[in-house]
Amino acid sequence: MQCPKCREVELSDVVLNGDLTSYHCEKCEGDWLSGERYQAWQNTQDRPKIVNTVLTNLDEVVEAAETDNKAALCPECRRYLSRVKVPVDQPFYLERCPECSGFWCDRREWDILQKLSLHTNLEYIFTSEWQQKVRDQQHSVSERQALIQKLGKDLAVEVFDLGKKLEANKNGDFAVAYLARQVTENS
């Protein structure tokens, strides 16, 4: 079986995680997780449901592998691999074969997926539900950054804190309406 990124390099069997083995490329350091092997391993794991997509900053800066932007064919069935972005500080693409359900992890991506506790639910990352949650999260982050730019950090932090308090209060919507009137009437 040949590397889907380097194309001419033969993949070798390695232990990736406990009982999970992968086909590893010595040149680009990527790993092919056979769909069959991954599913068998996955069935032996505790798989907490991913309830949110808040991908925290990692303790380290991990640059995307040089091969991350390269299109690839499945090393098993030769179909093009589909890709989804994993939005961390330095985003990367996880790839999956739509035919045999295998996954390709470029150099160090498996390690990142483990740190984010996504490694036991890789197929979920490819669902429209998860992708929508990621877009919503990114929108929320952008909105908060814009508020900090417009109001300054100190006032923005006060607004964020007040927002949490109003959200927790059953009559918080009345306060929001009051504030909206105050701001628009005095503008």
N, C-alpha and C. Protein backbone atom coordinates (compact mmCIF):
# COMPACT_ATOMS: atom_id res chain seq x y z
N MET A 1 0.85 -1.16 0.00
CA MET A 1 0.00 0.00 0.00
C MET A 1 0.90 1.23 0.00
N GLN A 2 0.59 2.20 -0.89
CA GLN A 2 1.43 3.38 -1.02
C GLN A 2 0.82 4.60 -0.33
N CYS A 3 1.70 5.49 0.09
CA CYS A 3 1.29 6.72 0.77
C CYS A 3 0.41 7.56 -0.16
N PRO A 4 -0.74 8.02 0.33
CA PRO A 4 -1.62 8.84 -0.51
C PRO A 4 -1.05 10.23 -0.80
N LYS A 5 -0.08 10.69 -0.03
CA LYS A 5 0.51 12.01 -0.23
C LYS A 5 1.84 11.95 -0.99
N CYS A 6 2.71 11.03 -0.58
CA CYS A 6 4.01 10.92 -1.25
C CYS A 6 3.91 10.08 -2.52
N ARG A 7 2.92 9.26 -2.58
CA ARG A 7 2.54 8.42 -3.72
C ARG A 7 3.49 7.28 -4.05
N GLU A 8 4.79 7.47 -3.93
CA GLU A 8 5.70 6.38 -4.30
C GLU A 8 6.26 5.63 -3.08
N VAL A 9 5.96 6.11 -1.88
CA VAL A 9 6.50 5.50 -0.67
C VAL A 9 5.54 4.42 -0.17
N GLU A 10 6.11 3.26 0.15
CA GLU A 10 5.32 2.14 0.67
C GLU A 10 5.05 2.37 2.16
N LEU A 11 3.79 2.19 2.58
CA LEU A 11 3.41 2.36 3.98
C LEU A 11 3.78 1.12 4.79
N SER A 12 4.15 1.34 6.05
CA SER A 12 4.49 0.21 6.92
C SER A 12 3.57 0.18 8.12
N ASP A 13 3.32 -1.01 8.63
CA ASP A 13 2.46 -1.21 9.79
C ASP A 13 3.14 -0.71 11.06
N VAL A 14 2.45 0.14 11.82
CA VAL A 14 2.98 0.60 13.11
C VAL A 14 1.85 0.65 14.13
N VAL A 15 2.21 0.61 15.40
CA VAL A 15 1.23 0.77 16.47
C VAL A 15 1.05 2.27 16.68
N LEU A 16 -0.18 2.72 16.57
CA LEU A 16 -0.47 4.15 16.71
C LEU A 16 -0.93 4.48 18.12
N ASN A 17 -1.80 3.62 18.67
CA ASN A 17 -2.38 3.91 19.98
C ASN A 17 -2.87 2.61 20.59
N GLY A 18 -2.16 2.08 21.55
CA GLY A 18 -2.59 0.84 22.21
C GLY A 18 -2.77 -0.28 21.21
N ASP A 19 -4.03 -0.67 20.97
CA ASP A 19 -4.34 -1.74 20.03
C ASP A 19 -4.57 -1.25 18.61
N LEU A 20 -4.53 0.04 18.39
CA LEU A 20 -4.78 0.60 17.06
C LEU A 20 -3.48 0.65 16.27
N THR A 21 -3.50 0.02 15.12
CA THR A 21 -2.34 0.09 14.24
C THR A 21 -2.71 0.93 13.02
N SER A 22 -1.69 1.52 12.43
CA SER A 22 -1.90 2.32 11.23
C SER A 22 -0.86 1.91 10.21
N TYR A 23 -1.06 2.41 9.01
CA TYR A 23 -0.06 2.27 7.96
C TYR A 23 0.66 3.60 7.91
N HIS A 24 1.93 3.60 8.18
CA HIS A 24 2.72 4.82 8.39
C HIS A 24 3.66 5.08 7.22
N CYS A 25 3.79 6.36 6.86
CA CYS A 25 4.74 6.77 5.83
C CYS A 25 5.97 7.35 6.52
N GLU A 26 7.12 6.74 6.27
CA GLU A 26 8.36 7.21 6.87
C GLU A 26 8.79 8.56 6.32
N LYS A 27 8.40 8.87 5.09
CA LYS A 27 8.84 10.12 4.47
C LYS A 27 8.06 11.33 5.00
N CYS A 28 6.74 11.31 4.90
CA CYS A 28 5.94 12.48 5.34
C CYS A 28 5.41 12.33 6.76
N GLU A 29 5.59 11.15 7.35
CA GLU A 29 5.18 10.84 8.72
C GLU A 29 3.67 10.84 8.91
N GLY A 30 2.92 10.63 7.83
CA GLY A 30 1.47 10.51 7.92
C GLY A 30 1.05 9.09 8.26
N ASP A 31 -0.23 8.95 8.65
CA ASP A 31 -0.76 7.64 9.03
C ASP A 31 -2.09 7.39 8.36
N TRP A 32 -2.22 6.19 7.78
CA TRP A 32 -3.49 5.74 7.21
C TRP A 32 -4.15 4.82 8.22
N LEU A 33 -5.37 5.21 8.64
CA LEU A 33 -6.15 4.39 9.56
C LEU A 33 -7.18 3.65 8.72
N SER A 34 -6.98 2.41 8.51
CA SER A 34 -7.93 1.60 7.76
C SER A 34 -9.29 1.69 8.45
N GLY A 35 -10.35 1.87 7.67
CA GLY A 35 -11.69 1.97 8.24
C GLY A 35 -12.04 0.77 9.10
N GLU A 36 -11.68 -0.40 8.62
CA GLU A 36 -11.97 -1.64 9.35
C GLU A 36 -11.20 -1.69 10.68
N ARG A 37 -9.92 -1.38 10.64
CA ARG A 37 -9.11 -1.38 11.86
C ARG A 37 -9.59 -0.32 12.84
N TYR A 38 -9.86 0.87 12.32
CA TYR A 38 -10.28 1.97 13.18
C TYR A 38 -11.60 1.63 13.87
N GLN A 39 -12.55 1.10 13.12
CA GLN A 39 -13.85 0.79 13.71
C GLN A 39 -13.72 -0.30 14.78
N ALA A 40 -12.90 -1.31 14.52
CA ALA A 40 -12.70 -2.37 15.51
C ALA A 40 -12.08 -1.78 16.79
N TRP A 41 -11.10 -0.90 16.64
CA TRP A 41 -10.48 -0.26 17.79
C TRP A 41 -11.48 0.66 18.49
N GLN A 42 -12.22 1.43 17.71
CA GLN A 42 -13.18 2.39 18.23
C GLN A 42 -14.23 1.69 19.11
N ASN A 43 -14.63 0.49 18.71
CA ASN A 43 -15.63 -0.27 19.47
C ASN A 43 -15.14 -0.68 20.85
N THR A 44 -13.84 -0.62 21.09
CA THR A 44 -13.28 -0.98 22.39
C THR A 44 -13.01 0.24 23.27
N GLN A 45 -13.31 1.43 22.75
CA GLN A 45 -12.99 2.68 23.45
C GLN A 45 -14.22 3.28 24.12
N ASP A 46 -13.97 4.01 25.21
CA ASP A 46 -15.02 4.85 25.78
C ASP A 46 -15.18 6.01 24.82
N ARG A 47 -16.40 6.22 24.37
CA ARG A 47 -16.63 7.26 23.37
C ARG A 47 -17.65 8.26 23.88
N PRO A 48 -17.19 9.23 24.63
CA PRO A 48 -18.13 10.24 25.09
C PRO A 48 -18.65 11.03 23.89
N LYS A 49 -19.94 11.34 23.93
CA LYS A 49 -20.52 12.14 22.86
C LYS A 49 -19.90 13.52 22.89
N ILE A 50 -19.54 14.00 21.74
CA ILE A 50 -18.96 15.34 21.64
C ILE A 50 -20.13 16.32 21.70
N VAL A 51 -20.23 17.03 22.82
CA VAL A 51 -21.37 17.93 23.00
C VAL A 51 -21.10 19.33 22.52
N ASN A 52 -19.84 19.70 22.41
CA ASN A 52 -19.55 21.01 21.84
C ASN A 52 -18.29 20.91 21.00
N THR A 53 -18.04 21.96 20.31
CA THR A 53 -16.89 21.95 19.41
C THR A 53 -15.86 22.98 19.81
N VAL A 54 -15.94 23.44 21.05
CA VAL A 54 -14.99 24.44 21.47
C VAL A 54 -13.62 23.79 21.49
N LEU A 55 -12.84 24.16 20.53
CA LEU A 55 -11.51 23.59 20.42
C LEU A 55 -10.54 24.56 21.08
N THR A 56 -10.12 24.18 22.25
CA THR A 56 -9.26 25.06 23.02
C THR A 56 -7.90 25.19 22.36
N ASN A 57 -7.21 26.24 22.71
CA ASN A 57 -5.86 26.43 22.20
C ASN A 57 -4.98 25.34 22.77
N LEU A 58 -4.10 24.83 21.95
CA LEU A 58 -3.17 23.82 22.41
C LEU A 58 -2.02 24.50 23.13
N ASP A 59 -1.35 23.75 24.00
CA ASP A 59 -0.22 24.31 24.73
C ASP A 59 0.96 24.60 23.81
N GLU A 60 0.93 24.03 22.64
CA GLU A 60 2.05 24.17 21.71
C GLU A 60 1.52 24.63 20.36
N VAL A 61 2.37 25.28 19.61
CA VAL A 61 2.00 25.68 18.26
C VAL A 61 2.38 24.53 17.33
N VAL A 62 1.39 24.05 16.61
CA VAL A 62 1.63 22.94 15.69
C VAL A 62 1.35 23.43 14.28
N GLU A 63 2.37 23.44 13.47
CA GLU A 63 2.20 23.88 12.09
C GLU A 63 1.64 22.74 11.26
N ALA A 64 0.78 23.09 10.31
CA ALA A 64 0.23 22.07 9.42
C ALA A 64 1.36 21.43 8.63
N ALA A 65 1.20 20.15 8.37
CA ALA A 65 2.20 19.43 7.57
C ALA A 65 2.22 19.98 6.15
N GLU A 66 3.38 19.90 5.51
CA GLU A 66 3.51 20.39 4.14
C GLU A 66 2.53 19.68 3.21
N THR A 67 2.18 18.47 3.54
CA THR A 67 1.30 17.67 2.67
C THR A 67 -0.17 17.91 2.94
N ASP A 68 -0.51 18.75 3.92
CA ASP A 68 -1.91 18.94 4.32
C ASP A 68 -2.77 19.48 3.19
N ASN A 69 -2.23 20.30 2.33
CA ASN A 69 -3.01 20.88 1.23
C ASN A 69 -2.96 20.07 -0.06
N LYS A 70 -2.37 18.90 -0.01
CA LYS A 70 -2.26 18.04 -1.19
C LYS A 70 -3.48 17.14 -1.30
N ALA A 71 -4.09 17.10 -2.48
CA ALA A 71 -5.19 16.15 -2.71
C ALA A 71 -4.63 14.74 -2.64
N ALA A 72 -5.47 13.80 -2.23
CA ALA A 72 -4.97 12.44 -2.07
C ALA A 72 -6.02 11.41 -2.46
N LEU A 73 -5.51 10.26 -2.90
CA LEU A 73 -6.36 9.11 -3.21
C LEU A 73 -6.23 8.10 -2.08
N CYS A 74 -7.32 7.43 -1.79
CA CYS A 74 -7.31 6.38 -0.77
C CYS A 74 -6.30 5.32 -1.15
N PRO A 75 -5.42 4.93 -0.24
CA PRO A 75 -4.43 3.90 -0.57
C PRO A 75 -5.05 2.51 -0.72
N GLU A 76 -6.29 2.34 -0.25
CA GLU A 76 -6.94 1.04 -0.35
C GLU A 76 -7.82 0.92 -1.58
N CYS A 77 -8.69 1.91 -1.83
CA CYS A 77 -9.65 1.75 -2.93
C CYS A 77 -9.50 2.80 -4.03
N ARG A 78 -8.51 3.70 -3.88
CA ARG A 78 -8.14 4.68 -4.90
C ARG A 78 -9.18 5.76 -5.16
N ARG A 79 -10.12 5.99 -4.24
CA ARG A 79 -11.09 7.09 -4.36
C ARG A 79 -10.46 8.35 -3.78
N TYR A 80 -10.91 9.52 -4.26
CA TYR A 80 -10.43 10.76 -3.66
C TYR A 80 -10.91 10.85 -2.21
N LEU A 81 -10.03 11.33 -1.36
CA LEU A 81 -10.37 11.49 0.04
C LEU A 81 -11.12 12.81 0.23
N SER A 82 -12.20 12.78 1.02
CA SER A 82 -12.91 14.02 1.35
C SER A 82 -12.20 14.64 2.55
N ARG A 83 -12.34 15.96 2.69
CA ARG A 83 -11.60 16.68 3.72
C ARG A 83 -12.52 17.57 4.54
N VAL A 84 -12.21 17.70 5.83
CA VAL A 84 -12.88 18.69 6.69
C VAL A 84 -11.81 19.40 7.50
N LYS A 85 -12.07 20.67 7.74
CA LYS A 85 -11.12 21.49 8.50
C LYS A 85 -11.34 21.27 9.99
N VAL A 86 -10.23 21.10 10.70
CA VAL A 86 -10.27 21.03 12.16
C VAL A 86 -9.74 22.39 12.64
N PRO A 87 -10.64 23.22 13.20
CA PRO A 87 -10.28 24.61 13.49
C PRO A 87 -9.58 24.80 14.83
N VAL A 88 -8.30 24.66 14.83
CA VAL A 88 -7.48 24.99 15.99
C VAL A 88 -6.66 26.22 15.61
N ASP A 89 -5.76 26.66 16.49
CA ASP A 89 -4.96 27.85 16.18
C ASP A 89 -4.34 27.77 14.78
N GLN A 90 -3.77 26.64 14.46
CA GLN A 90 -3.24 26.39 13.13
C GLN A 90 -4.12 25.29 12.52
N PRO A 91 -5.19 25.66 11.82
CA PRO A 91 -6.14 24.65 11.31
C PRO A 91 -5.46 23.64 10.39
N PHE A 92 -6.03 22.46 10.36
CA PHE A 92 -5.57 21.43 9.44
C PHE A 92 -6.77 20.67 8.91
N TYR A 93 -6.53 19.85 7.89
CA TYR A 93 -7.60 19.06 7.29
C TYR A 93 -7.45 17.59 7.65
N LEU A 94 -8.53 17.01 8.12
CA LEU A 94 -8.59 15.57 8.32
C LEU A 94 -9.24 15.00 7.06
N GLU A 95 -8.74 13.88 6.58
CA GLU A 95 -9.25 13.31 5.34
C GLU A 95 -9.84 11.92 5.59
N ARG A 96 -10.87 11.61 4.80
CA ARG A 96 -11.57 10.34 4.96
C ARG A 96 -11.99 9.80 3.60
N CYS A 97 -11.94 8.51 3.46
CA CYS A 97 -12.39 7.88 2.23
C CYS A 97 -13.90 7.64 2.33
N PRO A 98 -14.67 8.14 1.37
CA PRO A 98 -16.12 7.94 1.41
C PRO A 98 -16.52 6.50 1.09
N GLU A 99 -15.60 5.73 0.53
CA GLU A 99 -15.90 4.35 0.14
C GLU A 99 -15.60 3.35 1.27
N CYS A 100 -14.37 3.36 1.77
CA CYS A 100 -13.97 2.35 2.77
C CYS A 100 -13.89 2.92 4.19
N SER A 101 -14.15 4.20 4.37
CA SER A 101 -14.19 4.87 5.68
C SER A 101 -12.85 4.92 6.40
N GLY A 102 -11.76 4.84 5.67
CA GLY A 102 -10.44 5.01 6.27
C GLY A 102 -10.14 6.49 6.45
N PHE A 103 -9.18 6.81 7.33
CA PHE A 103 -8.80 8.19 7.63
C PHE A 103 -7.32 8.39 7.37
N TRP A 104 -6.97 9.55 6.84
CA TRP A 104 -5.57 9.93 6.69
C TRP A 104 -5.27 11.07 7.65
N CYS A 105 -4.23 10.88 8.45
CA CYS A 105 -3.74 11.91 9.35
C CYS A 105 -2.34 12.30 8.90
N ASP A 106 -2.17 13.56 8.52
CA ASP A 106 -0.83 14.04 8.21
C ASP A 106 -0.01 14.07 9.49
N ARG A 107 1.27 14.37 9.35
CA ARG A 107 2.20 14.39 10.47
C ARG A 107 1.61 15.12 11.68
N ARG A 108 1.60 14.47 12.82
CA ARG A 108 1.18 14.96 14.14
C ARG A 108 -0.31 15.25 14.31
N GLU A 109 -1.11 15.06 13.26
CA GLU A 109 -2.54 15.33 13.39
C GLU A 109 -3.22 14.37 14.36
N TRP A 110 -2.82 13.11 14.36
CA TRP A 110 -3.40 12.15 15.31
C TRP A 110 -3.16 12.62 16.74
N ASP A 111 -1.95 13.11 17.02
CA ASP A 111 -1.63 13.61 18.37
C ASP A 111 -2.55 14.76 18.76
N ILE A 112 -2.80 15.67 17.81
CA ILE A 112 -3.68 16.80 18.08
C ILE A 112 -5.10 16.31 18.34
N LEU A 113 -5.57 15.37 17.52
CA LEU A 113 -6.92 14.83 17.69
C LEU A 113 -7.07 14.18 19.06
N GLN A 114 -6.02 13.51 19.53
CA GLN A 114 -6.05 12.92 20.87
C GLN A 114 -6.14 14.00 21.94
N LYS A 115 -5.33 15.05 21.82
CA LYS A 115 -5.34 16.13 22.81
C LYS A 115 -6.70 16.81 22.86
N LEU A 116 -7.39 16.85 21.73
CA LEU A 116 -8.71 17.48 21.67
C LEU A 116 -9.84 16.49 22.00
N SER A 117 -9.47 15.25 22.31
CA SER A 117 -10.43 14.17 22.62
C SER A 117 -11.40 13.92 21.46
N LEU A 118 -10.92 14.05 20.25
CA LEU A 118 -11.72 13.78 19.06
C LEU A 118 -11.36 12.44 18.42
N HIS A 119 -10.27 11.83 18.84
CA HIS A 119 -9.73 10.65 18.17
C HIS A 119 -10.65 9.43 18.19
N THR A 120 -11.57 9.34 19.14
CA THR A 120 -12.47 8.17 19.18
C THR A 120 -13.77 8.42 18.42
N ASN A 121 -13.93 9.60 17.85
CA ASN A 121 -15.16 9.96 17.12
C ASN A 121 -14.85 10.64 15.79
N LEU A 122 -13.88 10.17 15.07
CA LEU A 122 -13.46 10.86 13.84
C LEU A 122 -14.58 11.03 12.83
N GLU A 123 -15.46 10.06 12.73
CA GLU A 123 -16.54 10.18 11.73
C GLU A 123 -17.48 11.35 12.04
N TYR A 124 -17.60 11.71 13.32
CA TYR A 124 -18.48 12.81 13.71
C TYR A 124 -18.00 14.15 13.15
N ILE A 125 -16.69 14.29 13.02
CA ILE A 125 -16.12 15.53 12.49
C ILE A 125 -16.61 15.78 11.06
N PHE A 126 -16.99 14.74 10.36
CA PHE A 126 -17.43 14.86 8.97
C PHE A 126 -18.93 15.12 8.83
N THR A 127 -19.66 15.16 9.96
CA THR A 127 -21.10 15.38 9.87
C THR A 127 -21.42 16.86 9.69
N SER A 128 -22.55 17.14 9.06
CA SER A 128 -22.97 18.53 8.88
C SER A 128 -23.28 19.17 10.23
N GLU A 129 -23.75 18.38 11.20
CA GLU A 129 -24.04 18.90 12.54
C GLU A 129 -22.79 19.48 13.18
N TRP A 130 -21.70 18.73 13.15
CA TRP A 130 -20.46 19.20 13.77
C TRP A 130 -19.90 20.40 13.01
N GLN A 131 -19.92 20.33 11.70
CA GLN A 131 -19.42 21.43 10.89
C GLN A 131 -20.21 22.71 11.14
N GLN A 132 -21.54 22.60 11.33
CA GLN A 132 -22.35 23.77 11.64
C GLN A 132 -21.98 24.33 13.02
N LYS A 133 -21.75 23.46 13.98
CA LYS A 133 -21.34 23.91 15.31
C LYS A 133 -20.00 24.65 15.23
N VAL A 134 -19.10 24.16 14.40
CA VAL A 134 -17.81 24.82 14.23
C VAL A 134 -18.01 26.21 13.63
N ARG A 135 -18.86 26.32 12.60
CA ARG A 135 -19.12 27.63 11.99
C ARG A 135 -19.74 28.58 13.02
N ASP A 136 -20.68 28.07 13.82
CA ASP A 136 -21.31 28.90 14.85
C ASP A 136 -20.27 29.38 15.87
N GLN A 137 -19.39 28.48 16.27
CA GLN A 137 -18.34 28.83 17.23
C GLN A 137 -17.43 29.89 16.63
N GLN A 138 -17.04 29.72 15.38
CA GLN A 138 -16.15 30.69 14.74
C GLN A 138 -16.84 32.06 14.63
N HIS A 139 -18.14 32.05 14.33
CA HIS A 139 -18.89 33.30 14.25
C HIS A 139 -18.91 34.00 15.62
N SER A 140 -19.14 33.23 16.66
CA SER A 140 -19.18 33.78 18.02
C SER A 140 -17.84 34.40 18.40
N VAL A 141 -16.75 33.72 18.06
CA VAL A 141 -15.41 34.24 18.36
C VAL A 141 -15.18 35.54 17.60
N SER A 142 -15.56 35.58 16.33
CA SER A 142 -15.40 36.80 15.52
C SER A 142 -16.22 37.95 16.08
N GLU A 143 -17.44 37.63 16.51
CA GLU A 143 -18.32 38.64 17.08
C GLU A 143 -17.72 39.23 18.36
N ARG A 144 -17.17 38.37 19.21
CA ARG A 144 -16.55 38.84 20.45
C ARG A 144 -15.32 39.70 20.15
N GLN A 145 -14.52 39.29 19.17
CA GLN A 145 -13.34 40.07 18.81
C GLN A 145 -13.74 41.44 18.27
N ALA A 146 -14.81 41.49 17.47
CA ALA A 146 -15.29 42.76 16.93
C ALA A 146 -15.77 43.67 18.07
N LEU A 147 -16.45 43.09 19.06
CA LEU A 147 -16.92 43.87 20.19
C LEU A 147 -15.75 44.45 20.98
N ILE A 148 -14.71 43.68 21.16
CA ILE A 148 -13.51 44.16 21.86
C ILE A 148 -12.88 45.31 21.08
N GLN A 149 -12.83 45.18 19.76
CA GLN A 149 -12.26 46.25 18.94
C GLN A 149 -13.09 47.53 19.03
N LYS A 150 -14.41 47.39 18.99
CA LYS A 150 -15.30 48.56 18.98
C LYS A 150 -15.39 49.25 20.34
N LEU A 151 -15.45 48.44 21.42
CA LEU A 151 -15.68 49.01 22.76
C LEU A 151 -14.42 49.13 23.60
N GLY A 152 -13.37 48.43 23.23
CA GLY A 152 -12.20 48.33 24.09
C GLY A 152 -12.36 47.12 24.99
N LYS A 153 -11.25 46.60 25.43
CA LYS A 153 -11.27 45.33 26.19
C LYS A 153 -12.06 45.43 27.49
N ASP A 154 -11.84 46.47 28.27
CA ASP A 154 -12.48 46.58 29.59
C ASP A 154 -14.00 46.61 29.49
N LEU A 155 -14.53 47.47 28.62
CA LEU A 155 -15.98 47.56 28.48
C LEU A 155 -16.55 46.28 27.86
N ALA A 156 -15.83 45.71 26.91
CA ALA A 156 -16.30 44.46 26.29
C ALA A 156 -16.41 43.35 27.32
N VAL A 157 -15.44 43.26 28.22
CA VAL A 157 -15.49 42.24 29.28
C VAL A 157 -16.71 42.46 30.17
N GLU A 158 -17.00 43.72 30.48
CA GLU A 158 -18.20 44.01 31.28
C GLU A 158 -19.46 43.57 30.54
N VAL A 159 -19.51 43.81 29.24
CA VAL A 159 -20.67 43.41 28.44
C VAL A 159 -20.80 41.88 28.43
N PHE A 160 -19.68 41.19 28.26
CA PHE A 160 -19.72 39.72 28.26
C PHE A 160 -20.24 39.19 29.60
N ASP A 161 -19.72 39.78 30.69
CA ASP A 161 -20.16 39.35 32.03
C ASP A 161 -21.65 39.63 32.23
N LEU A 162 -22.09 40.82 31.83
CA LEU A 162 -23.51 41.16 31.95
C LEU A 162 -24.36 40.22 31.10
N GLY A 163 -23.88 39.90 29.91
CA GLY A 163 -24.60 38.97 29.04
C GLY A 163 -24.82 37.62 29.70
N LYS A 164 -23.80 37.12 30.38
CA LYS A 164 -23.93 35.84 31.09
C LYS A 164 -24.97 35.93 32.21
N LYS A 165 -24.92 37.03 32.94
CA LYS A 165 -25.87 37.21 34.05
C LYS A 165 -27.30 37.32 33.53
N LEU A 166 -27.49 38.06 32.45
CA LEU A 166 -28.84 38.21 31.88
C LEU A 166 -29.33 36.91 31.28
N GLU A 167 -28.43 36.16 30.68
CA GLU A 167 -28.81 34.87 30.11
C GLU A 167 -29.29 33.91 31.21
N ALA A 168 -28.69 34.01 32.38
CA ALA A 168 -29.05 33.13 33.50
C ALA A 168 -30.33 33.58 34.21
N ASN A 169 -30.74 34.82 33.99
CA ASN A 169 -31.92 35.36 34.66
C ASN A 169 -33.15 35.15 33.78
N LYS A 170 -34.23 34.65 34.38
CA LYS A 170 -35.43 34.35 33.58
C LYS A 170 -36.05 35.60 32.96
N ASN A 171 -35.77 36.78 33.51
CA ASN A 171 -36.29 38.03 32.95
C ASN A 171 -35.20 38.86 32.28
N GLY A 172 -34.12 38.22 31.91
CA GLY A 172 -33.00 38.92 31.29
C GLY A 172 -33.37 39.62 30.00
N ASP A 173 -34.37 39.08 29.28
CA ASP A 173 -34.77 39.71 28.01
C ASP A 173 -35.33 41.12 28.23
N PHE A 174 -35.95 41.38 29.38
CA PHE A 174 -36.45 42.72 29.68
C PHE A 174 -35.29 43.71 29.79
N ALA A 175 -34.22 43.27 30.45
CA ALA A 175 -33.05 44.12 30.60
C ALA A 175 -32.40 44.40 29.24
N VAL A 176 -32.36 43.40 28.39
CA VAL A 176 -31.79 43.58 27.05
C VAL A 176 -32.62 44.60 26.27
N ALA A 177 -33.95 44.50 26.36
CA ALA A 177 -34.82 45.45 25.66
C ALA A 177 -34.60 46.86 26.21
N TYR A 178 -34.48 46.99 27.52
CA TYR A 178 -34.23 48.28 28.13
C TYR A 178 -32.92 48.88 27.62
N LEU A 179 -31.86 48.07 27.64
CA LEU A 179 -30.55 48.56 27.17
C LEU A 179 -30.61 48.96 25.70
N ALA A 180 -31.29 48.18 24.89
CA ALA A 180 -31.40 48.50 23.46
C ALA A 180 -32.09 49.84 23.27
N ARG A 181 -33.17 50.08 24.03
CA ARG A 181 -33.87 51.36 23.94
C ARG A 181 -32.97 52.51 24.38
N GLN A 182 -32.27 52.32 25.49
CA GLN A 182 -31.39 53.37 26.01
C GLN A 182 -30.32 53.76 25.00
N VAL A 183 -29.73 52.77 24.39
CA VAL A 183 -28.63 53.03 23.46
C VAL A 183 -29.15 53.67 22.18
N THR A 184 -30.27 53.19 21.65
CA THR A 184 -30.78 53.74 20.39
C THR A 184 -31.42 55.11 20.57
N GLU A 185 -32.06 55.37 21.71
CA GLU A 185 -32.67 56.67 21.96
C GLU A 185 -31.63 57.76 22.18
N ASN A 186 -30.50 57.39 22.74
CA ASN A 186 -29.47 58.38 23.05
C ASN A 186 -28.40 58.47 21.97
N SER A 187 -28.60 57.81 20.86
CA SER A 187 -27.58 57.86 19.79
C SER A 187 -27.82 58.99 18.84
